[in-house]
Protein backbone atom coordinates (compact mmCIF):
# COMPACT_ATOMS: atom_id res chain seq x y z
CA MET A 1 0.00 0.00 0.00
CA LYS A 2 2.79 2.47 0.94
CA LYS A 3 4.55 1.49 -2.22
CA THR A 4 1.45 2.32 -4.21
CA ILE A 5 1.03 5.72 -2.48
CA HIS A 6 4.67 6.51 -2.99
CA SER A 7 4.39 5.63 -6.63
CA GLY A 8 1.31 7.87 -6.94
CA ARG A 9 3.05 10.77 -5.21
CA ALA A 10 6.04 10.33 -7.48
CA SER A 11 3.82 10.41 -10.51
CA LEU A 12 2.05 13.49 -9.18
CA MET A 13 5.34 15.24 -8.53
CA ALA A 14 6.56 14.37 -12.04
CA LEU A 15 3.36 15.77 -13.52
CA ILE A 16 3.70 19.01 -11.54
CA ALA A 17 7.32 19.37 -12.66
CA ALA A 18 6.35 18.82 -16.28
CA LEU A 19 3.62 21.45 -16.07
CA ALA A 20 6.04 23.91 -14.45
CA LEU A 21 8.57 23.38 -17.21
CA ALA A 22 5.89 23.86 -19.83
CA ALA A 23 4.76 27.07 -18.17
CA CYS A 24 8.35 28.37 -18.10
CA GLY A 25 8.72 27.53 -21.80
CA GLN A 26 5.59 29.50 -22.62
CA GLU A 27 6.63 32.56 -20.61
CA GLN A 28 10.19 32.75 -22.02
CA PRO A 29 9.37 34.48 -25.37
CA GLU A 30 7.13 37.00 -23.58
CA THR A 31 9.98 37.78 -21.18
CA GLN A 32 12.44 38.24 -24.02
CA GLN A 33 9.98 40.51 -25.85
CA ALA A 34 9.54 42.63 -22.72
CA GLU A 35 13.28 42.93 -22.34
CA GLN A 36 13.57 44.02 -25.98
CA GLN A 37 10.89 46.65 -25.53
CA GLU A 38 12.64 47.96 -22.46
CA ALA A 39 16.03 48.29 -24.26
CA PRO A 40 17.70 51.68 -23.73
CA PRO A 41 17.28 54.30 -26.51
CA HIS A 42 19.91 54.38 -29.26
CA SER A 43 22.31 57.27 -28.59
CA VAL A 44 23.29 59.10 -31.79
CA GLU A 45 24.03 62.65 -33.03
CA VAL A 46 21.00 64.61 -34.20
CA ALA A 47 20.99 67.99 -36.02
CA ASP A 48 18.29 70.62 -36.43
CA ILE A 49 18.01 71.35 -40.15
CA ALA A 50 18.86 74.94 -41.15
CA ARG A 51 20.00 76.50 -44.39
CA GLN A 52 23.70 77.33 -44.62
CA ASP A 53 26.55 78.14 -47.02
CA ILE A 54 28.58 75.01 -47.80
CA PRO A 55 32.13 75.16 -49.26
CA LEU A 56 32.46 72.97 -52.35
CA ASP A 57 35.34 70.59 -52.92
CA LYS A 58 35.16 70.05 -56.67
CA SER A 59 37.79 69.79 -59.37
CA TYR A 60 37.56 70.21 -63.12
CA PRO A 61 39.55 68.41 -65.83
CA SER A 62 41.67 70.34 -68.31
CA LEU A 63 44.68 70.15 -70.59
CA LEU A 64 47.55 72.33 -69.47
CA ARG A 65 48.78 74.87 -72.01
CA SER A 66 51.40 77.56 -72.28
CA ASP A 67 49.73 80.74 -73.45
CA SER A 68 53.02 82.24 -74.73
CA GLU A 69 54.32 79.26 -76.72
CA VAL A 70 56.13 80.38 -79.89
CA THR A 71 57.02 78.52 -83.08
CA LEU A 72 60.18 79.96 -84.64
CA VAL A 73 60.10 80.43 -88.42
CA ALA A 74 62.75 81.66 -90.83
CA ARG A 75 62.09 85.13 -92.25
CA VAL A 76 64.86 85.12 -94.86
CA ASN A 77 66.17 82.70 -97.46
CA GLY A 78 69.58 81.09 -97.14
CA PHE A 79 71.62 78.15 -95.85
CA LEU A 80 71.40 77.34 -92.15
CA GLU A 81 74.97 77.81 -90.95
CA GLU A 82 74.84 77.46 -87.16
CA ARG A 83 72.65 76.30 -84.30
CA HIS A 84 73.45 77.83 -80.91
CA PHE A 85 71.41 75.65 -78.52
CA GLU A 86 70.77 72.07 -77.46
CA PRO A 87 67.24 70.64 -77.69
CA GLY A 88 65.46 70.76 -74.33
CA GLN A 89 67.57 73.65 -73.13
CA LEU A 90 66.06 76.56 -71.23
CA VAL A 91 66.69 79.72 -73.24
CA GLU A 92 66.25 83.34 -72.27
CA ARG A 93 64.60 86.03 -74.33
CA GLY A 94 67.16 87.52 -76.75
CA ASP A 95 69.45 84.45 -76.83
CA ARG A 96 70.85 83.71 -80.28
CA LEU A 97 69.51 80.41 -81.66
CA TYR A 98 70.27 80.15 -85.42
CA THR A 99 72.49 81.82 -88.01
CA ILE A 100 71.23 81.90 -91.62
CA GLU A 101 73.98 83.00 -94.08
CA PRO A 102 74.54 86.48 -92.56
CA ASP A 103 77.42 87.36 -94.92
CA LEU A 104 75.03 87.55 -97.85
CA TYR A 105 72.80 90.01 -96.04
CA GLN A 106 75.75 92.00 -94.70
CA ALA A 107 76.89 92.52 -98.30
CA THR A 108 73.42 93.75 -99.20
CA VAL A 109 73.55 96.21 -96.33
CA ASN A 110 76.90 97.52 -97.54
CA GLN A 111 75.52 97.98 -101.03
CA ARG A 112 72.46 99.84 -99.71
CA GLU A 113 74.69 102.13 -97.65
CA ALA A 114 76.68 103.00 -100.80
CA ASP A 115 73.45 103.68 -102.69
CA LEU A 116 72.36 106.00 -99.90
CA GLN A 117 75.66 107.95 -100.02
CA SER A 118 75.31 108.33 -103.79
CA ALA A 119 71.74 109.57 -103.46
CA ARG A 120 72.72 112.08 -100.80
CA ALA A 121 75.54 113.40 -103.01
CA GLU A 122 73.12 113.79 -105.91
CA MET A 123 70.69 115.61 -103.64
CA SER A 124 73.44 118.04 -102.53
CA ARG A 125 74.26 118.84 -106.16
CA ALA A 126 70.57 119.36 -106.96
CA GLN A 127 70.15 121.68 -103.97
CA ARG A 128 73.13 123.82 -105.05
CA ASP A 129 71.80 124.02 -108.63
CA ALA A 130 68.38 125.11 -107.37
CA GLN A 131 69.93 127.81 -105.19
CA ARG A 132 72.09 129.08 -108.08
CA PHE A 133 69.18 129.17 -110.53
CA GLU A 134 67.13 131.06 -107.95
CA GLN A 135 69.81 133.82 -107.85
CA LEU A 136 70.08 133.89 -111.67
CA LEU A 137 66.31 134.15 -111.96
CA SER A 138 66.31 137.24 -109.74
CA GLN A 139 68.85 138.77 -112.17
CA ASN A 140 66.80 137.69 -115.21
CA SER A 141 69.77 135.60 -116.38
CA VAL A 142 67.74 132.37 -116.72
CA SER A 143 64.18 131.66 -117.67
CA ARG A 144 61.46 130.64 -115.28
CA GLN A 145 61.32 127.23 -116.93
CA GLN A 146 64.98 126.55 -116.19
CA TYR A 147 64.47 127.46 -112.54
CA ASP A 148 61.43 125.15 -112.28
CA GLN A 149 63.47 122.31 -113.78
CA ALA A 150 66.18 122.82 -111.15
CA LEU A 151 63.57 122.62 -108.37
CA ALA A 152 62.16 119.43 -109.84
CA ASP A 153 65.62 117.87 -109.99
CA GLN A 154 66.10 118.77 -106.34
CA ARG A 155 62.84 117.04 -105.33
CA VAL A 156 63.75 113.92 -107.34
CA ALA A 157 67.10 113.78 -105.60
CA GLN A 158 65.38 114.04 -102.20
CA ALA A 159 63.04 111.19 -103.14
CA ARG A 160 65.98 109.03 -104.17
CA VAL A 161 67.59 109.64 -100.78
CA ALA A 162 64.39 108.54 -99.04
CA GLN A 163 64.23 105.46 -101.28
CA ALA A 164 67.85 104.57 -100.49
CA GLU A 165 67.22 104.99 -96.77
CA ALA A 166 64.22 102.63 -96.96
CA ALA A 167 66.26 100.06 -98.89
CA LEU A 168 69.01 100.26 -96.26
CA THR A 169 66.44 99.76 -93.45
CA SER A 170 65.04 96.69 -95.23
CA ALA A 171 68.55 95.28 -95.72
CA ASN A 172 69.32 95.78 -92.03
CA LEU A 173 66.10 93.99 -91.12
CA ASP A 174 67.05 91.03 -93.29
CA LEU A 175 70.49 91.01 -91.72
CA GLY A 176 68.83 90.90 -88.30
CA TYR A 177 66.52 88.08 -89.40
CA SER A 178 69.57 86.06 -90.45
CA ARG A 179 70.38 85.83 -86.73
CA VAL A 180 67.37 84.12 -85.16
CA THR A 181 66.95 85.00 -81.47
CA ALA A 182 64.50 83.81 -78.78
CA PRO A 183 61.41 86.07 -78.60
CA VAL A 184 60.41 84.57 -75.21
CA SER A 185 62.05 82.65 -72.38
CA GLY A 186 61.29 78.96 -72.06
CA MET A 187 62.27 75.43 -73.03
CA ILE A 188 63.20 74.97 -76.69
CA GLY A 189 62.30 71.77 -78.48
CA LEU A 190 63.93 69.75 -81.24
CA SER A 191 65.27 71.58 -84.26
CA GLN A 192 63.18 70.92 -87.35
CA ILE A 193 66.00 71.77 -89.79
CA ASN A 194 69.55 70.46 -89.76
CA ILE A 195 72.63 72.62 -90.27
CA GLY A 196 73.53 73.03 -93.97
CA ASN A 197 69.97 72.85 -95.26
CA LEU A 198 68.46 75.64 -97.34
CA VAL A 199 65.64 77.44 -95.57
CA THR A 200 63.12 79.82 -97.04
CA SER A 201 60.91 82.44 -95.50
CA GLY A 202 58.26 80.65 -93.44
CA THR A 203 60.26 77.47 -92.74
CA GLU A 204 59.57 76.22 -89.19
CA LEU A 205 62.74 75.92 -87.14
CA ALA A 206 61.81 75.00 -83.53
CA THR A 207 59.27 75.66 -80.76
CA ILE A 208 59.87 77.53 -77.50
CA THR A 209 57.52 76.70 -74.65
CA PRO A 210 57.50 79.04 -71.64
CA LEU A 211 57.00 77.00 -68.44
CA ASP A 212 56.41 79.84 -66.01
CA PRO A 213 53.67 80.90 -65.76
CA LEU A 214 51.23 78.33 -67.14
CA GLU A 215 47.61 78.87 -68.12
CA VAL A 216 44.74 76.44 -67.65
CA ARG A 217 41.40 76.82 -69.42
CA PHE A 218 38.59 74.67 -68.06
CA GLN A 219 34.82 74.36 -68.21
CA LEU A 220 32.49 75.02 -65.29
CA PRO A 221 28.97 73.54 -65.15
CA GLN A 222 26.26 76.19 -65.31
CA ARG A 223 25.36 75.88 -61.62
CA ASP A 224 28.97 76.16 -60.48
CA ALA A 225 29.53 79.19 -62.72
CA PHE A 226 26.36 80.83 -61.39
CA GLU A 227 27.46 80.34 -57.77
CA LEU A 228 30.98 81.53 -58.59
CA ARG A 229 29.70 84.71 -60.24
CA ARG A 230 27.46 85.30 -57.24
CA GLN A 231 30.44 84.91 -54.95
CA LEU A 232 32.55 87.25 -57.07
CA GLN A 233 29.86 89.90 -56.69
CA ASN A 234 30.21 89.57 -52.92
CA VAL A 235 34.02 89.67 -52.74
CA GLY A 236 34.35 92.16 -55.59
CA ASP A 237 37.68 90.81 -56.87
CA MET A 238 38.43 87.72 -58.92
CA SER A 239 41.92 87.45 -57.39
CA ALA A 240 40.29 86.42 -54.10
CA ILE A 241 39.52 83.01 -55.64
CA THR A 242 42.53 80.72 -55.28
CA ALA A 243 42.97 77.96 -57.86
CA ARG A 244 44.91 74.77 -57.21
CA LEU A 245 46.27 72.55 -59.96
CA SER A 246 47.12 68.88 -59.50
CA VAL A 247 48.28 66.17 -61.89
CA PRO A 248 46.41 62.85 -61.57
CA GLY A 249 48.75 59.99 -60.75
CA VAL A 250 51.40 62.25 -59.23
CA SER A 251 51.49 62.28 -55.43
CA GLY A 252 53.76 63.98 -52.93
CA GLY A 253 56.52 66.46 -53.56
CA SER A 254 56.31 70.18 -54.11
CA GLY A 255 55.77 69.75 -57.85
CA SER A 256 52.59 67.68 -57.57
CA GLU A 257 50.38 70.74 -56.96
CA LEU A 258 50.56 74.39 -58.03
CA GLU A 259 48.74 77.36 -56.58
CA GLY A 260 47.44 80.13 -58.82
CA GLN A 261 44.70 82.68 -59.34
CA LEU A 262 41.46 82.66 -61.27
CA ASN A 263 41.72 85.39 -63.89
CA TYR A 264 38.82 84.83 -66.28
CA LEU A 265 35.18 83.73 -66.20
CA SER A 266 33.18 83.87 -69.40
CA SER A 267 29.93 85.83 -69.58
CA ARG A 268 28.11 83.28 -71.74
CA VAL A 269 27.07 79.63 -71.61
CA ASP A 270 28.24 77.28 -74.36
CA MET A 271 25.04 75.98 -75.93
CA GLY A 272 26.66 72.72 -76.97
CA THR A 273 28.05 71.70 -73.58
CA SER A 274 26.00 73.85 -71.15
CA THR A 275 29.24 74.97 -69.54
CA VAL A 276 31.01 78.27 -68.91
CA GLN A 277 34.69 78.72 -69.74
CA ALA A 278 37.11 79.86 -67.06
CA ALA A 279 40.88 80.32 -66.94
CA ALA A 280 43.53 80.47 -64.25
CA THR A 281 47.29 81.09 -64.25
CA PHE A 282 49.84 79.21 -62.16
CA ALA A 283 53.44 79.98 -61.27
CA ASN A 284 55.69 77.05 -62.25
CA PRO A 285 59.23 78.22 -61.37
CA ASP A 286 60.75 74.74 -61.25
CA GLY A 287 59.16 73.58 -64.50
CA ALA A 288 57.86 70.49 -62.70
CA ILE A 289 54.58 70.46 -64.66
CA LEU A 290 54.65 70.62 -68.45
CA PRO A 291 52.12 71.90 -71.00
CA GLY A 292 50.00 69.19 -72.60
CA GLN A 293 49.53 67.26 -69.36
CA PHE A 294 46.06 66.26 -68.22
CA VAL A 295 45.38 68.12 -64.96
CA ARG A 296 42.57 68.90 -62.55
CA VAL A 297 41.78 72.37 -61.26
CA ARG A 298 40.14 73.03 -57.90
CA LEU A 299 38.80 76.42 -56.81
CA ASP A 300 39.17 77.28 -53.14
CA GLY A 301 36.36 79.36 -51.69
CA LEU A 302 33.70 78.11 -54.12
CA LYS A 303 30.43 77.66 -52.19
CA ARG A 304 26.80 76.64 -52.43
CA PHE A 305 24.71 79.36 -50.84
CA ASP A 306 21.61 78.93 -48.66
CA VAL A 307 21.27 75.15 -49.03
CA ILE A 308 20.18 72.25 -46.81
CA ALA A 309 22.95 69.75 -46.16
CA VAL A 310 23.67 66.80 -43.85
CA PRO A 311 26.88 64.85 -43.19
CA GLU A 312 27.36 62.34 -45.98
CA ILE A 313 27.38 59.43 -43.49
CA ALA A 314 23.73 60.17 -42.61
CA VAL A 315 22.48 59.20 -46.08
CA THR A 316 21.70 55.52 -46.65
CA GLN A 317 20.07 53.59 -49.48
CA GLY A 318 16.50 52.40 -48.93
CA LEU A 319 14.01 50.51 -51.06
CA MET A 320 12.76 53.78 -52.55
CA GLY A 321 16.19 55.32 -53.04
CA PRO A 322 18.36 57.63 -50.91
CA ARG A 323 17.00 58.21 -47.40
CA VAL A 324 17.73 59.72 -44.01
CA PHE A 325 16.15 59.19 -40.60
CA VAL A 326 14.24 62.02 -38.95
CA LEU A 327 12.89 62.14 -35.39
CA ASP A 328 9.22 62.58 -34.53
CA GLU A 329 7.79 64.13 -31.36
CA GLU A 330 8.43 60.88 -29.43
CA ASN A 331 12.10 60.72 -30.52
CA LYS A 332 11.39 57.73 -32.76
CA ALA A 333 13.26 57.30 -36.03
CA ARG A 334 11.21 57.77 -39.19
CA GLU A 335 12.44 57.05 -42.70
CA ARG A 336 12.45 59.96 -45.14
CA ASN A 337 13.26 59.68 -48.85
CA ILE A 338 15.32 62.55 -50.24
CA GLN A 339 16.71 63.92 -53.49
CA LEU A 340 20.47 64.39 -53.54
CA GLY A 341 22.49 67.33 -54.84
CA ASP A 342 26.24 67.88 -54.90
CA VAL A 343 28.70 66.31 -52.48
CA ALA A 344 30.72 69.04 -50.77
CA GLY A 345 33.53 67.35 -48.87
CA PRO A 346 31.95 65.54 -45.90
CA TRP A 347 28.59 67.20 -46.60
CA GLN A 348 25.76 65.96 -48.80
CA ILE A 349 23.54 68.71 -50.19
CA ILE A 350 19.84 67.81 -50.12
CA VAL A 351 17.73 69.18 -52.97
CA ASP A 352 14.32 67.92 -51.78
CA GLY A 353 12.83 65.91 -48.93
CA LEU A 354 13.84 67.92 -45.85
CA GLU A 355 12.53 71.13 -44.37
CA GLU A 356 14.05 73.65 -42.01
CA GLY A 357 13.49 72.86 -38.34
CA GLU A 358 13.28 69.08 -38.73
CA ARG A 359 15.56 66.89 -36.65
CA VAL A 360 17.75 64.53 -38.66
CA ILE A 361 19.99 61.72 -37.45
CA VAL A 362 23.44 62.70 -38.67
CA GLY A 363 25.54 60.16 -36.76
CA ASP A 364 26.29 56.56 -37.66
CA PRO A 365 23.00 55.09 -38.97
CA ALA A 366 24.10 51.48 -38.34
CA GLY A 367 21.45 49.55 -36.44
CA ILE A 368 18.78 52.25 -36.81
CA GLU A 369 15.40 51.15 -38.16
CA PRO A 370 12.06 52.96 -38.40
CA GLY A 371 10.39 53.09 -34.99
CA VAL A 372 13.58 52.79 -32.94
CA VAL A 373 13.67 55.17 -29.97
CA ILE A 374 16.61 57.59 -30.19
CA ASP A 375 18.50 59.36 -27.43
CA PRO A 376 19.44 62.53 -29.36
CA VAL A 377 22.94 63.91 -28.90
CA ALA A 378 23.50 67.50 -30.05
CA PHE A 379 25.50 67.73 -33.29
CA ASP A 380 28.49 70.09 -33.03
CA GLY A 381 28.55 70.86 -36.77
CA ASN A 382 31.79 68.99 -37.50
CA ALA A 383 30.73 66.66 -40.30
CA GLU A 384 34.28 65.61 -41.09
CA ALA A 385 34.83 64.35 -37.52
CA ILE A 386 31.70 62.18 -37.69
CA VAL A 387 32.76 60.63 -40.99
CA ASP A 388 36.26 59.97 -39.63
CA ASP A 389 34.89 58.35 -36.47
CA VAL A 390 32.63 56.01 -38.44
CA GLU A 391 35.41 55.04 -40.82
CA GLU A 392 37.76 54.41 -37.90
CA ALA A 393 35.15 52.24 -36.14
CA ASP A 394 34.56 50.23 -39.34
CA ALA A 395 38.28 49.70 -39.79
CA GLN A 396 38.68 48.55 -36.18
CA GLU A 397 35.75 46.14 -36.53
CA GLN A 398 37.21 44.63 -39.69
CA GLN A 399 40.56 44.22 -37.97
CA GLU A 400 38.94 42.45 -35.00
CA GLN A 401 37.06 40.13 -37.35
CA ALA A 402 40.26 39.32 -39.20
CA GLU A 403 42.09 38.60 -35.93
CA ALA A 404 39.25 36.35 -34.73
CA ALA A 405 39.27 34.45 -38.02
CA ALA A 406 43.03 34.02 -37.73
CA GLU A 407 42.72 32.65 -34.18
CA MET A 408 40.06 30.17 -35.29
CA THR A 409 42.30 29.00 -38.12
CA GLU A 410 45.24 28.56 -35.77
CA GLY A 411 43.03 26.70 -33.25
CA ALA A 412 41.83 24.31 -35.93
CA GLY A 413 45.41 23.58 -36.90
CA ASP A 414 46.40 22.74 -33.28
CA LEU A 415 43.88 19.87 -32.78
CA PRO A 416 45.45 16.62 -31.35
CA ALA A 417 45.97 13.80 -33.73
CA ASP A 418 43.45 11.53 -31.94
CA GLU A 419 40.72 14.25 -32.11
CA GLU A 420 41.39 14.68 -35.85
CA GLU A 421 41.03 10.91 -36.27
CA GLU A 422 37.78 10.87 -34.27
CA GLY A 423 36.44 13.76 -36.34
CA ALA A 424 37.35 12.00 -39.60
CA PRO A 425 34.49 10.04 -41.25
């Protein structure tokens, strides 16, 4: 009998235990859900949207050119006797570069000088005759016709002197052209004609490319040109806009970037490209950057005025396109689709989707979903710092994951031989 009662009590106790376990199993999801609902708010930076002026960080492609590049051409005929430079040499303005048969033109100059002396002697004789005939006419010793003829001879002699002087000037010019000199300072290229060849007027000889300063002409989109012209109206001087030139693929060193000044902005829009032409000059004293190179030009001080912008890290990609998270009255995150404008450094300009006064999550959006309660932290306005912090956190997380994977690999390689055999099929 006691055995039967004991067995019944044992069965009853087992039943009660089973029911208790079942009840615990049913309450566990509810407990977990309550804990999730009671999770602390997500702490993240939040900014009140207001319009502001945002500096742009944009560059424009261009081909570098030397505005004063000169192609030397022969201006006289003759044999090329001498070359006074080496290709690639830096020459100064006035340096002698070529000699084209100067003896021939010196002889012509000598001949023209002799012609001028003869003409002047003839003019002196004609002047004396005119003076003598004038005296004879006053004494009625010669006719009026003879006196007029003497005056005419005098004028002809004067004209011949002028003609001889012009011929001498032309001969001296040709003599000067026989000695080709550098019209500008710069780097001279390869000679197109070898010594001993016959050159004629118009024959190309070489090219001189000034390296300092250099000019860059580039195209601005209409919107950028509009904002730049608006800014120029405020500052009143184009020289206040600093231009920076860099060569893609070249990093480091003083020659990788040049600083110059904007000196031209066109007043019309190119109908074919919808762009506005601009130009800037750059000092290049070391000749580190050469004309013909592909470069990029950046304008310091270029801004977008009175725009809405958020740190670039705040923008994520949703099902309906770019989005940000805004806060409602209960500090809950709400998804908001936006239309993007230009990227200005760490800032993303928003064209549509946000209004002034709204609160936007500008910190790291990782883990934020619609409906999540947010503990707003005031944004200090330093968008670059936020982007750097997020990038640093991502890099640290990737490093930790790589280290964990490496430890797991090493642990798998250190298994005892008997465990490897037991694990083998």
